[in-house]
């Protein structure tokens, strides 16, 4: 019983007391889960590279996947996670932080990953998500 109460308090503190519209709720939950998974994975990969002093320099596809890239990308996904929580709480600033963080993610990929130059799927997905959140912007304060 105590666990349910604790979860309810944490949920209230993080997500606020007002639920957003169903579409915004789905978009925010998708973004929260996605950003959490990627941030944890990239931070773990960066820690692995840091502790093991290894890299993928032998592998042609993964040679640009290094410790600096992992920590940078994890940090930016953390910012995107915070922005999704703000948008769930119906804060307009969350949208602007989200746009900035996602553009920073694309720029980071273009800077670090040499083979990313022609990946239009990621760019398209980012623009679609920004557009979907933008349609809900007038409901936010």
N, C-alpha and C. Protein backbone atom coordinates (compact mmCIF):
# COMPACT_ATOMS: atom_id res chain seq x y z
N UNK A 1 0.82 -1.19 0.00
CA UNK A 1 0.00 0.00 0.00
C UNK A 1 0.86 1.25 0.00
N UNK A 2 1.95 1.18 0.74
CA UNK A 2 2.87 2.33 0.84
C UNK A 2 3.52 2.62 -0.51
N UNK A 3 3.80 1.58 -1.29
CA UNK A 3 4.42 1.74 -2.60
C UNK A 3 3.50 2.50 -3.55
N UNK A 4 2.21 2.18 -3.54
CA UNK A 4 1.26 2.87 -4.41
C UNK A 4 1.19 4.35 -4.08
N UNK A 5 1.24 4.66 -2.80
CA UNK A 5 1.19 6.05 -2.37
C UNK A 5 2.44 6.80 -2.82
N UNK A 6 3.58 6.16 -2.70
CA UNK A 6 4.84 6.78 -3.12
C UNK A 6 4.85 7.01 -4.61
N UNK A 7 4.40 6.04 -5.39
CA UNK A 7 4.34 6.19 -6.85
C UNK A 7 3.41 7.32 -7.23
N UNK A 8 2.29 7.42 -6.56
CA UNK A 8 1.33 8.48 -6.84
C UNK A 8 1.92 9.86 -6.55
N UNK A 9 2.66 9.98 -5.45
CA UNK A 9 3.29 11.26 -5.09
C UNK A 9 4.36 11.62 -6.11
N UNK A 10 5.19 10.66 -6.49
CA UNK A 10 6.26 10.92 -7.48
C UNK A 10 5.65 11.32 -8.82
N UNK A 11 4.61 10.61 -9.24
CA UNK A 11 3.94 10.93 -10.50
C UNK A 11 3.36 12.33 -10.46
N UNK A 12 2.76 12.70 -9.34
CA UNK A 12 2.18 14.03 -9.18
C UNK A 12 3.27 15.11 -9.23
N UNK A 13 4.40 14.84 -8.56
CA UNK A 13 5.49 15.83 -8.55
C UNK A 13 6.13 16.01 -9.92
N UNK A 14 6.30 14.91 -10.66
CA UNK A 14 6.96 14.99 -11.97
C UNK A 14 6.00 15.45 -13.06
N UNK A 15 4.83 14.84 -13.13
CA UNK A 15 3.92 15.09 -14.24
C UNK A 15 2.85 16.14 -13.96
N UNK A 16 2.71 16.57 -12.72
CA UNK A 16 1.74 17.60 -12.40
C UNK A 16 0.36 17.03 -12.14
N UNK A 17 -0.59 17.92 -11.82
CA UNK A 17 -1.91 17.46 -11.45
C UNK A 17 -2.90 17.44 -12.61
N UNK A 18 -2.64 18.17 -13.69
CA UNK A 18 -3.56 18.22 -14.82
C UNK A 18 -3.03 17.35 -15.96
N UNK A 19 -3.91 16.50 -16.49
CA UNK A 19 -3.54 15.66 -17.63
C UNK A 19 -3.72 16.46 -18.92
N UNK A 20 -2.79 16.31 -19.85
CA UNK A 20 -2.96 16.97 -21.15
C UNK A 20 -3.98 16.23 -22.02
N UNK A 21 -4.21 16.76 -23.20
CA UNK A 21 -5.12 16.10 -24.14
C UNK A 21 -4.56 14.72 -24.50
N UNK A 22 -5.43 13.80 -24.92
CA UNK A 22 -4.95 12.43 -25.22
C UNK A 22 -3.82 12.38 -26.26
N UNK A 23 -3.90 13.20 -27.29
CA UNK A 23 -2.84 13.18 -28.32
C UNK A 23 -1.51 13.65 -27.73
N UNK A 24 -1.56 14.73 -26.98
CA UNK A 24 -0.34 15.24 -26.35
C UNK A 24 0.20 14.25 -25.33
N UNK A 25 -0.68 13.58 -24.62
CA UNK A 25 -0.25 12.58 -23.64
C UNK A 25 0.51 11.45 -24.32
N UNK A 26 -0.01 10.96 -25.44
CA UNK A 26 0.65 9.87 -26.18
C UNK A 26 2.01 10.34 -26.71
N UNK A 27 2.04 11.53 -27.29
CA UNK A 27 3.30 12.05 -27.81
C UNK A 27 4.34 12.22 -26.70
N UNK A 28 3.90 12.75 -25.57
CA UNK A 28 4.83 12.96 -24.45
C UNK A 28 5.34 11.64 -23.88
N UNK A 29 4.44 10.66 -23.69
CA UNK A 29 4.87 9.38 -23.17
C UNK A 29 5.82 8.68 -24.13
N UNK A 30 5.55 8.75 -25.42
CA UNK A 30 6.47 8.17 -26.40
C UNK A 30 7.84 8.83 -26.28
N UNK A 31 7.86 10.16 -26.20
CA UNK A 31 9.12 10.89 -26.11
C UNK A 31 9.83 10.61 -24.80
N UNK A 32 9.09 10.55 -23.70
CA UNK A 32 9.70 10.27 -22.40
C UNK A 32 10.35 8.89 -22.40
N UNK A 33 9.66 7.88 -22.90
CA UNK A 33 10.21 6.53 -22.92
C UNK A 33 11.40 6.45 -23.87
N UNK A 34 11.27 7.01 -25.07
CA UNK A 34 12.35 6.97 -26.06
C UNK A 34 13.60 7.69 -25.55
N UNK A 35 13.43 8.90 -25.03
CA UNK A 35 14.58 9.66 -24.55
C UNK A 35 15.25 8.99 -23.36
N UNK A 36 14.46 8.39 -22.48
CA UNK A 36 15.05 7.68 -21.34
C UNK A 36 15.89 6.50 -21.81
N UNK A 37 15.34 5.70 -22.72
CA UNK A 37 16.08 4.54 -23.22
C UNK A 37 17.38 4.95 -23.92
N UNK A 38 17.30 5.94 -24.79
CA UNK A 38 18.50 6.36 -25.53
C UNK A 38 19.52 7.01 -24.60
N UNK A 39 19.07 7.84 -23.67
CA UNK A 39 20.00 8.50 -22.74
C UNK A 39 20.73 7.47 -21.88
N UNK A 40 20.00 6.49 -21.38
CA UNK A 40 20.63 5.45 -20.54
C UNK A 40 21.60 4.61 -21.38
N UNK A 41 21.17 4.22 -22.58
CA UNK A 41 22.04 3.42 -23.45
C UNK A 41 23.33 4.17 -23.80
N UNK A 42 23.18 5.42 -24.20
CA UNK A 42 24.37 6.19 -24.62
C UNK A 42 25.29 6.48 -23.42
N UNK A 43 24.72 6.77 -22.26
CA UNK A 43 25.54 6.98 -21.07
C UNK A 43 26.28 5.70 -20.70
N UNK A 44 25.59 4.57 -20.79
CA UNK A 44 26.23 3.28 -20.52
C UNK A 44 27.34 2.97 -21.52
N UNK A 45 27.10 3.28 -22.78
CA UNK A 45 28.14 3.07 -23.80
C UNK A 45 29.34 3.97 -23.54
N UNK A 46 29.07 5.21 -23.19
CA UNK A 46 30.17 6.13 -22.88
C UNK A 46 30.97 5.67 -21.68
N UNK A 47 30.28 5.17 -20.65
CA UNK A 47 30.99 4.65 -19.48
C UNK A 47 31.80 3.41 -19.83
N UNK A 48 31.26 2.57 -20.71
CA UNK A 48 32.00 1.39 -21.16
C UNK A 48 33.29 1.81 -21.87
N UNK A 49 33.18 2.78 -22.77
CA UNK A 49 34.37 3.26 -23.48
C UNK A 49 35.36 3.87 -22.51
N UNK A 50 34.86 4.57 -21.50
CA UNK A 50 35.72 5.22 -20.51
C UNK A 50 36.45 4.20 -19.65
N UNK A 51 35.73 3.17 -19.18
CA UNK A 51 36.33 2.19 -18.28
C UNK A 51 37.20 1.18 -19.01
N UNK A 52 36.83 0.80 -20.21
CA UNK A 52 37.55 -0.24 -20.94
C UNK A 52 38.60 0.32 -21.89
N UNK A 53 38.59 1.61 -22.11
CA UNK A 53 39.52 2.26 -23.05
C UNK A 53 39.48 1.59 -24.42
N UNK A 54 38.28 1.28 -24.87
CA UNK A 54 38.12 0.65 -26.16
C UNK A 54 37.36 1.57 -27.10
N UNK A 55 37.51 1.29 -28.36
CA UNK A 55 36.74 2.02 -29.37
C UNK A 55 36.49 1.08 -30.54
N UNK A 56 35.72 1.57 -31.48
CA UNK A 56 35.41 0.78 -32.67
C UNK A 56 36.24 1.26 -33.86
N UNK A 57 37.46 1.65 -33.63
CA UNK A 57 38.28 2.20 -34.72
C UNK A 57 38.54 1.17 -35.82
N UNK A 58 38.47 -0.12 -35.50
CA UNK A 58 38.68 -1.16 -36.51
C UNK A 58 37.47 -1.34 -37.42
N UNK A 59 36.29 -1.05 -36.89
CA UNK A 59 35.04 -1.24 -37.62
C UNK A 59 34.72 0.02 -38.43
N UNK A 60 34.58 -0.13 -39.73
CA UNK A 60 34.33 1.01 -40.61
C UNK A 60 33.01 1.71 -40.31
N UNK A 61 31.96 0.95 -39.97
CA UNK A 61 30.64 1.53 -39.71
C UNK A 61 30.56 2.26 -38.37
N UNK A 62 31.29 1.75 -37.37
CA UNK A 62 31.16 2.28 -36.01
C UNK A 62 32.37 3.09 -35.54
N UNK A 63 33.27 3.44 -36.44
CA UNK A 63 34.50 4.11 -36.00
C UNK A 63 34.25 5.48 -35.36
N UNK A 64 33.15 6.15 -35.73
CA UNK A 64 32.85 7.47 -35.18
C UNK A 64 32.08 7.39 -33.86
N UNK A 65 31.68 6.21 -33.47
CA UNK A 65 30.92 6.00 -32.24
C UNK A 65 31.90 5.94 -31.08
N UNK A 66 32.19 7.12 -30.49
CA UNK A 66 33.21 7.19 -29.45
C UNK A 66 32.61 7.72 -28.14
N UNK A 67 33.46 7.82 -27.13
CA UNK A 67 33.04 8.23 -25.80
C UNK A 67 32.45 9.64 -25.79
N UNK A 68 33.08 10.56 -26.45
CA UNK A 68 32.59 11.95 -26.49
C UNK A 68 31.20 12.03 -27.14
N UNK A 69 31.02 11.32 -28.23
CA UNK A 69 29.72 11.29 -28.90
C UNK A 69 28.65 10.71 -27.97
N UNK A 70 28.97 9.61 -27.29
CA UNK A 70 27.99 8.96 -26.41
C UNK A 70 27.53 9.88 -25.29
N UNK A 71 28.46 10.54 -24.62
CA UNK A 71 28.08 11.43 -23.52
C UNK A 71 27.33 12.66 -24.02
N UNK A 72 27.74 13.21 -25.15
CA UNK A 72 27.06 14.37 -25.70
C UNK A 72 25.63 14.02 -26.09
N UNK A 73 25.46 12.91 -26.78
CA UNK A 73 24.14 12.49 -27.23
C UNK A 73 23.24 12.13 -26.05
N UNK A 74 23.81 11.51 -25.02
CA UNK A 74 23.05 11.18 -23.82
C UNK A 74 22.57 12.46 -23.11
N UNK A 75 23.43 13.45 -23.03
CA UNK A 75 23.07 14.72 -22.39
C UNK A 75 21.94 15.42 -23.14
N UNK A 76 22.02 15.42 -24.46
CA UNK A 76 20.99 16.08 -25.26
C UNK A 76 19.66 15.33 -25.13
N UNK A 77 19.69 14.01 -25.08
CA UNK A 77 18.46 13.25 -24.87
C UNK A 77 17.89 13.52 -23.48
N UNK A 78 18.75 13.76 -22.51
CA UNK A 78 18.28 14.13 -21.17
C UNK A 78 17.53 15.46 -21.20
N UNK A 79 18.04 16.41 -21.96
CA UNK A 79 17.35 17.69 -22.12
C UNK A 79 16.01 17.49 -22.82
N UNK A 80 15.99 16.65 -23.83
CA UNK A 80 14.74 16.36 -24.53
C UNK A 80 13.73 15.68 -23.59
N UNK A 81 14.21 14.83 -22.71
CA UNK A 81 13.36 14.19 -21.71
C UNK A 81 12.71 15.23 -20.80
N UNK A 82 13.49 16.17 -20.32
CA UNK A 82 12.97 17.24 -19.47
C UNK A 82 11.94 18.07 -20.23
N UNK A 83 12.19 18.34 -21.50
CA UNK A 83 11.24 19.12 -22.29
C UNK A 83 9.92 18.36 -22.48
N UNK A 84 9.98 17.04 -22.64
CA UNK A 84 8.76 16.25 -22.77
C UNK A 84 7.95 16.27 -21.48
N UNK A 85 8.62 16.23 -20.35
CA UNK A 85 7.93 16.33 -19.07
C UNK A 85 7.27 17.71 -18.93
N UNK A 86 7.97 18.75 -19.35
CA UNK A 86 7.38 20.09 -19.31
C UNK A 86 6.16 20.19 -20.22
N UNK A 87 6.24 19.59 -21.40
CA UNK A 87 5.08 19.63 -22.29
C UNK A 87 3.92 18.81 -21.73
N UNK A 88 4.22 17.72 -21.04
CA UNK A 88 3.16 16.96 -20.39
C UNK A 88 2.46 17.82 -19.34
N UNK A 89 3.24 18.68 -18.70
CA UNK A 89 2.67 19.61 -17.71
C UNK A 89 2.06 20.83 -18.36
N UNK A 90 1.96 20.82 -19.70
CA UNK A 90 1.32 21.88 -20.49
C UNK A 90 2.11 23.19 -20.47
N UNK A 91 3.43 23.11 -20.40
CA UNK A 91 4.28 24.30 -20.40
C UNK A 91 4.81 24.52 -21.81
N UNK A 92 4.58 25.71 -22.32
CA UNK A 92 5.00 26.06 -23.68
C UNK A 92 6.52 26.07 -23.82
N UNK A 93 7.23 26.43 -22.76
CA UNK A 93 8.70 26.44 -22.83
C UNK A 93 9.25 25.06 -23.12
N UNK A 94 8.53 24.01 -22.72
CA UNK A 94 8.96 22.65 -23.01
C UNK A 94 9.06 22.41 -24.51
N UNK A 95 8.13 22.99 -25.27
CA UNK A 95 8.16 22.83 -26.72
C UNK A 95 9.41 23.47 -27.31
N UNK A 96 9.73 24.67 -26.88
CA UNK A 96 10.90 25.36 -27.42
C UNK A 96 12.21 24.67 -27.03
N UNK A 97 12.25 24.13 -25.82
CA UNK A 97 13.42 23.34 -25.41
C UNK A 97 13.50 22.07 -26.24
N UNK A 98 12.35 21.45 -26.50
CA UNK A 98 12.30 20.23 -27.31
C UNK A 98 12.83 20.48 -28.72
N UNK A 99 12.38 21.55 -29.33
CA UNK A 99 12.84 21.89 -30.69
C UNK A 99 14.35 22.11 -30.68
N UNK A 100 14.83 22.87 -29.71
CA UNK A 100 16.27 23.15 -29.62
C UNK A 100 17.07 21.86 -29.41
N UNK A 101 16.60 21.01 -28.51
CA UNK A 101 17.31 19.76 -28.22
C UNK A 101 17.33 18.83 -29.43
N UNK A 102 16.22 18.73 -30.15
CA UNK A 102 16.17 17.84 -31.30
C UNK A 102 17.00 18.36 -32.47
N UNK A 103 17.03 19.64 -32.66
CA UNK A 103 17.93 20.20 -33.68
C UNK A 103 19.38 19.98 -33.27
N UNK A 104 19.67 20.12 -31.98
CA UNK A 104 21.03 19.84 -31.48
C UNK A 104 21.41 18.38 -31.68
N UNK A 105 20.43 17.47 -31.53
CA UNK A 105 20.71 16.05 -31.78
C UNK A 105 21.10 15.81 -33.24
N UNK A 106 20.36 16.42 -34.15
CA UNK A 106 20.68 16.27 -35.57
C UNK A 106 22.05 16.84 -35.89
N UNK A 107 22.34 18.01 -35.35
CA UNK A 107 23.65 18.63 -35.60
C UNK A 107 24.76 17.76 -35.01
N UNK A 108 24.52 17.21 -33.82
CA UNK A 108 25.51 16.33 -33.20
C UNK A 108 25.77 15.11 -34.07
N UNK A 109 24.72 14.52 -34.62
CA UNK A 109 24.91 13.37 -35.50
C UNK A 109 25.70 13.75 -36.74
N UNK A 110 25.40 14.91 -37.33
CA UNK A 110 26.13 15.34 -38.51
C UNK A 110 27.60 15.63 -38.20
N UNK A 111 27.87 16.14 -37.00
CA UNK A 111 29.25 16.46 -36.63
C UNK A 111 30.06 15.20 -36.35
N UNK A 112 29.50 14.29 -35.56
CA UNK A 112 30.27 13.13 -35.10
C UNK A 112 30.24 11.94 -36.05
N UNK A 113 29.10 11.65 -36.63
CA UNK A 113 28.95 10.43 -37.43
C UNK A 113 29.10 10.78 -38.90
N UNK A 114 30.19 10.36 -39.49
CA UNK A 114 30.49 10.70 -40.88
C UNK A 114 29.49 10.10 -41.85
N UNK A 115 29.02 8.91 -41.58
CA UNK A 115 28.09 8.23 -42.50
C UNK A 115 26.65 8.71 -42.36
N UNK A 116 26.39 9.64 -41.47
CA UNK A 116 25.03 10.12 -41.25
C UNK A 116 24.59 11.12 -42.32
N UNK A 117 25.45 11.53 -43.17
CA UNK A 117 25.17 12.59 -44.14
C UNK A 117 23.91 12.36 -44.97
N UNK A 118 23.53 11.12 -45.20
CA UNK A 118 22.40 10.86 -46.09
C UNK A 118 21.22 10.18 -45.39
N UNK A 119 21.12 10.29 -44.07
CA UNK A 119 20.04 9.63 -43.34
C UNK A 119 18.85 10.57 -43.21
N UNK A 120 17.96 10.49 -44.18
CA UNK A 120 16.79 11.37 -44.21
C UNK A 120 15.66 10.85 -43.32
N UNK A 121 15.71 9.61 -42.93
CA UNK A 121 14.67 9.04 -42.07
C UNK A 121 14.69 9.73 -40.70
N UNK A 122 15.86 9.88 -40.13
CA UNK A 122 15.99 10.53 -38.82
C UNK A 122 15.56 11.99 -38.88
N UNK A 123 15.98 12.68 -39.93
CA UNK A 123 15.60 14.08 -40.09
C UNK A 123 14.09 14.19 -40.26
N UNK A 124 13.51 13.33 -41.07
CA UNK A 124 12.06 13.36 -41.30
C UNK A 124 11.30 13.06 -40.01
N UNK A 125 11.73 12.05 -39.27
CA UNK A 125 11.06 11.71 -38.01
C UNK A 125 11.12 12.87 -37.02
N UNK A 126 12.26 13.52 -36.94
CA UNK A 126 12.41 14.66 -36.04
C UNK A 126 11.46 15.78 -36.43
N UNK A 127 11.39 16.08 -37.71
CA UNK A 127 10.49 17.15 -38.18
C UNK A 127 9.02 16.79 -37.96
N UNK A 128 8.67 15.53 -38.15
CA UNK A 128 7.29 15.09 -37.91
C UNK A 128 6.93 15.24 -36.43
N UNK A 129 7.82 14.83 -35.55
CA UNK A 129 7.55 14.95 -34.11
C UNK A 129 7.42 16.42 -33.70
N UNK A 130 8.30 17.27 -34.22
CA UNK A 130 8.19 18.70 -33.91
C UNK A 130 6.86 19.24 -34.42
N UNK A 131 6.47 18.84 -35.61
CA UNK A 131 5.19 19.28 -36.17
C UNK A 131 4.01 18.80 -35.35
N UNK A 132 4.04 17.54 -34.89
CA UNK A 132 2.95 17.03 -34.07
C UNK A 132 2.84 17.77 -32.74
N UNK A 133 3.98 18.04 -32.13
CA UNK A 133 3.94 18.82 -30.88
C UNK A 133 3.48 20.27 -31.16
N UNK A 134 3.85 20.82 -32.30
CA UNK A 134 3.47 22.18 -32.63
C UNK A 134 1.95 22.32 -32.79
N UNK A 135 1.29 21.25 -33.21
CA UNK A 135 -0.18 21.32 -33.35
C UNK A 135 -0.85 21.43 -31.99
N UNK A 136 -0.18 21.05 -30.94
CA UNK A 136 -0.74 21.11 -29.58
C UNK A 136 -0.27 22.36 -28.83
N UNK A 137 0.50 23.22 -29.49
CA UNK A 137 1.11 24.37 -28.84
C UNK A 137 0.09 25.35 -28.27
N UNK A 138 -1.03 25.56 -28.94
CA UNK A 138 -1.99 26.54 -28.45
C UNK A 138 -2.72 26.08 -27.20
N UNK A 139 -2.66 24.80 -26.87
CA UNK A 139 -3.26 24.29 -25.63
C UNK A 139 -2.34 24.49 -24.43
N UNK A 140 -1.07 24.80 -24.69
CA UNK A 140 -0.09 24.95 -23.61
C UNK A 140 -0.05 26.40 -23.13
N UNK A 141 0.39 26.55 -21.89
CA UNK A 141 0.49 27.89 -21.31
C UNK A 141 1.92 28.34 -21.22
